[in-house]
Protein backbone atom coordinates (compact mmCIF):
# COMPACT_ATOMS: atom_id res chain seq x y z
CA MET A 1 16.52 9.68 14.71
CA SER A 2 16.51 6.17 15.88
CA ALA A 3 15.01 7.33 18.98
CA LEU A 4 11.97 8.80 17.10
CA GLU A 5 11.74 5.70 14.71
CA GLY A 6 12.29 3.02 17.41
CA GLY A 7 10.81 4.69 20.52
CA ILE A 8 8.45 7.55 20.11
CA VAL A 9 6.67 6.54 16.92
CA ARG A 10 6.12 2.91 18.22
CA GLN A 11 4.86 4.31 21.61
CA ALA A 12 2.43 6.63 19.90
CA GLU A 13 1.26 3.61 17.54
CA SER A 14 0.66 1.65 20.85
CA ALA A 15 -1.15 4.50 22.56
CA LEU A 16 -3.47 5.01 19.50
CA ALA A 17 -4.28 1.22 19.52
CA VAL A 18 -5.14 1.38 23.09
CA ALA A 19 -7.19 4.44 22.75
CA GLU A 20 -9.03 3.07 19.85
CA SER A 21 -9.87 -0.09 21.96
CA ALA A 22 -11.08 1.79 24.93
CA TYR A 23 -13.27 4.10 22.87
CA ARG A 24 -14.85 1.01 21.01
CA PHE A 25 -15.62 -0.48 24.44
CA GLY A 26 -17.02 2.87 25.72
CA GLU A 27 -14.21 3.40 28.28
CA ARG A 28 -12.99 6.61 26.69
CA GLY A 29 -14.37 9.44 24.70
CA ILE A 30 -13.77 10.38 21.14
CA LEU A 31 -11.48 13.12 22.13
CA ASP A 32 -8.90 10.61 23.74
CA TYR A 33 -8.87 8.77 20.57
CA LEU A 34 -8.51 11.74 18.39
CA ASP A 35 -5.71 13.02 20.74
CA ALA A 36 -3.79 9.81 20.25
CA GLN A 37 -3.98 10.29 16.61
CA ARG A 38 -2.85 13.80 16.72
CA VAL A 39 0.08 12.63 18.95
CA LEU A 40 1.04 9.83 16.33
CA ARG A 41 0.81 12.19 13.46
CA GLY A 42 3.03 14.64 15.15
CA ALA A 43 5.73 12.01 15.86
CA ARG A 44 5.66 10.72 12.34
CA SER A 45 6.08 14.22 11.13
CA ASP A 46 8.96 14.89 13.33
CA LEU A 47 10.63 11.64 11.97
CA ILE A 48 10.14 12.77 8.50
CA ALA A 49 11.58 16.20 9.29
CA ALA A 50 14.59 14.44 10.99
CA GLN A 51 15.04 12.12 7.88
CA PHE A 52 14.99 15.17 5.64
CA GLU A 53 17.64 17.00 7.77
CA GLN A 54 19.92 13.99 7.90
CA GLN A 55 19.67 13.67 4.10
CA ALA A 56 20.33 17.23 3.37
CA ALA A 57 23.39 17.27 5.80
CA THR A 58 24.65 14.09 4.09
CA ILE A 59 24.44 15.93 0.74
CA GLN A 60 26.05 18.95 1.91
CA ILE A 61 29.04 16.86 3.32
CA GLU A 62 29.38 14.99 0.01
CA ARG A 63 29.49 18.34 -1.82
CA LEU A 64 32.09 19.76 0.67
CA LEU A 65 34.43 16.77 0.25
CA SER A 66 34.22 16.68 -3.22
CA SER A 67 35.04 20.33 -3.92
CA VAL A 68 38.52 21.63 -4.53
CA PRO A 69 39.61 24.54 -2.14
CA GLY A 70 39.08 27.84 -3.82
CA GLN A 71 36.27 26.59 -6.15
CA THR A 72 32.62 26.20 -5.58
CA ALA A 73 31.09 22.84 -5.42
CA ALA A 74 29.47 21.76 -8.82
CA PRO A 75 25.96 20.39 -8.54
CA MET A 76 26.00 16.72 -8.48
CA ALA A 77 24.82 15.32 -11.78
CA PRO A 78 23.19 11.88 -11.91
CA PRO A 79 25.68 9.06 -13.05
CA SER A 80 25.26 8.53 -16.96
CA ALA A 81 24.88 5.05 -18.54
CA PRO A 82 27.93 3.40 -19.71
CA ALA A 83 28.39 3.60 -23.48
CA ALA A 84 27.70 0.44 -25.47
CA PRO A 85 30.86 -1.38 -26.68
CA SER A 86 31.18 -0.90 -30.50
CA ALA A 87 31.45 -3.99 -32.61
CA PRO A 88 35.10 -4.73 -33.68
CA THR A 89 35.73 -4.21 -37.35
CA GLU A 90 37.76 -6.49 -39.32
CA THR A 91 40.74 -5.21 -41.38
CA LYS A 92 42.39 -7.23 -44.10
């Protein structure tokens, strides 16, 4: 995933900037610019899919580690807020 984030997406962003500048100066056509946009969107989409898969795998690992053999893993509930301490009562 770091290859996508650090390399491919940044390269696609740089390629888009070059294509945009070349289009503005008339050195390239609109199709080159649009193609660079398409490549960047594809790279970002791949990154998002990889992040989703990583998170899904992490959740599955956590469920497997928390389950007892022979029982199904219970869905993970959000942590509840701690109860407020009660005021001490005076006794005489």
